[in-house]
Protein backbone atom coordinates (compact mmCIF):
# COMPACT_ATOMS: atom_id res chain seq x y z
CA MET A 1 -35.57 25.76 12.47
CA LYS A 2 -33.34 25.66 9.23
CA PHE A 3 -30.21 27.57 8.78
CA SER A 4 -27.65 28.42 5.71
CA ALA A 5 -24.47 28.60 6.57
CA LEU A 6 -20.96 29.75 4.86
CA VAL A 7 -17.37 29.54 5.35
CA ASP A 8 -14.81 31.09 3.76
CA VAL A 9 -11.84 29.63 4.25
CA ARG A 10 -8.20 31.35 3.64
CA LEU A 11 -5.03 30.76 4.90
CA ARG A 12 -3.46 33.34 7.08
CA GLY A 13 -0.57 35.78 6.27
CA GLY A 14 2.72 34.49 6.27
CA ILE A 15 1.58 31.13 5.19
CA SER A 16 3.00 30.05 1.61
CA ASP A 17 -0.07 29.95 -0.74
CA PRO A 18 2.15 28.11 -3.81
CA ALA A 19 -1.37 27.50 -5.75
CA GLY A 20 -2.09 31.48 -5.53
CA ALA A 21 1.31 32.19 -6.57
CA THR A 22 1.11 30.03 -9.39
CA ILE A 23 -2.53 31.80 -10.84
CA GLU A 24 -0.98 35.42 -10.10
CA ARG A 25 2.13 34.21 -12.35
CA ALA A 26 0.38 33.02 -15.27
CA LEU A 27 -2.11 36.02 -15.73
CA PRO A 28 -0.14 38.42 -17.32
CA ALA A 29 0.56 35.50 -20.24
CA LEU A 30 -3.12 35.44 -20.63
CA GLY A 31 -3.72 38.94 -20.55
CA TYR A 32 -4.89 40.06 -17.22
CA GLN A 33 -2.43 42.68 -16.02
CA GLY A 34 -1.83 44.34 -12.84
CA VAL A 35 -3.77 41.60 -10.67
CA GLU A 36 -2.25 41.17 -7.84
CA GLY A 37 -2.41 39.38 -4.07
CA VAL A 38 -4.10 36.13 -5.27
CA THR A 39 -5.12 33.84 -2.91
CA VAL A 40 -7.01 30.30 -2.50
CA GLY A 41 -9.22 29.38 -0.23
CA LYS A 42 -12.42 27.42 0.14
CA THR A 43 -15.76 27.56 0.64
CA ILE A 44 -18.00 25.32 2.43
CA ARG A 45 -22.00 25.84 2.64
CA PHE A 46 -24.23 23.67 4.63
CA THR A 47 -27.81 23.38 6.12
CA LEU A 48 -28.43 22.98 10.49
CA GLU A 49 -31.35 23.17 12.46
CA ALA A 50 -31.35 24.96 15.86
CA GLU A 51 -33.37 26.60 17.70
CA THR A 52 -32.08 30.58 16.98
CA LEU A 53 -29.68 32.15 14.52
CA THR A 54 -27.66 32.67 17.38
CA GLU A 55 -27.37 28.58 18.29
CA ALA A 56 -27.17 28.35 14.89
CA GLN A 57 -23.84 30.39 14.26
CA THR A 58 -22.30 28.95 17.81
CA MET A 59 -23.15 25.25 16.23
CA ALA A 60 -21.15 26.44 12.68
CA GLU A 61 -18.41 28.40 14.73
CA GLU A 62 -17.55 25.30 17.10
CA LEU A 63 -17.81 22.49 13.45
CA CYS A 64 -14.88 25.19 11.66
CA GLU A 65 -12.75 25.06 14.50
CA SER A 66 -13.07 21.42 15.36
CA PHE A 67 -13.54 19.86 11.88
CA LEU A 68 -13.34 21.96 8.72
CA THR A 69 -9.98 24.33 9.52
CA ASN A 70 -7.02 23.84 10.58
CA PRO A 71 -6.58 26.68 12.61
CA VAL A 72 -2.67 27.19 12.99
CA ILE A 73 -2.89 27.78 9.05
CA GLU A 74 -6.49 29.18 8.18
CA ASP A 75 -8.67 31.81 8.81
CA ALA A 76 -12.52 31.31 8.89
CA GLU A 77 -15.01 33.40 8.21
CA VAL A 78 -18.75 31.72 8.87
CA THR A 79 -21.90 33.50 7.81
CA VAL A 80 -25.85 32.32 8.83
CA GLU A 81 -28.62 32.94 8.29
CA GLU A 82 -32.02 31.61 7.92
CA ALA A 83 -32.60 28.78 5.15
CA SER A 84 -35.39 29.80 2.24
């Protein structure tokens, strides 16, 4: 079966996010008031083949831990569902 995976990667709390800070500082000049806590991350989407949803979830999480993220400074949320 084919499954779609979505990995949302963000910096861990306490890690400096200069891109997020730059965006947050620029927003008032662009007319957007009251926006705070801006963070910048990355989203990775892919399709994988597995026998079950559980196997697909495990594969996606292992791929994330070993290759797609830096576990020292990043957290990731992995969502897997049957591909349509």
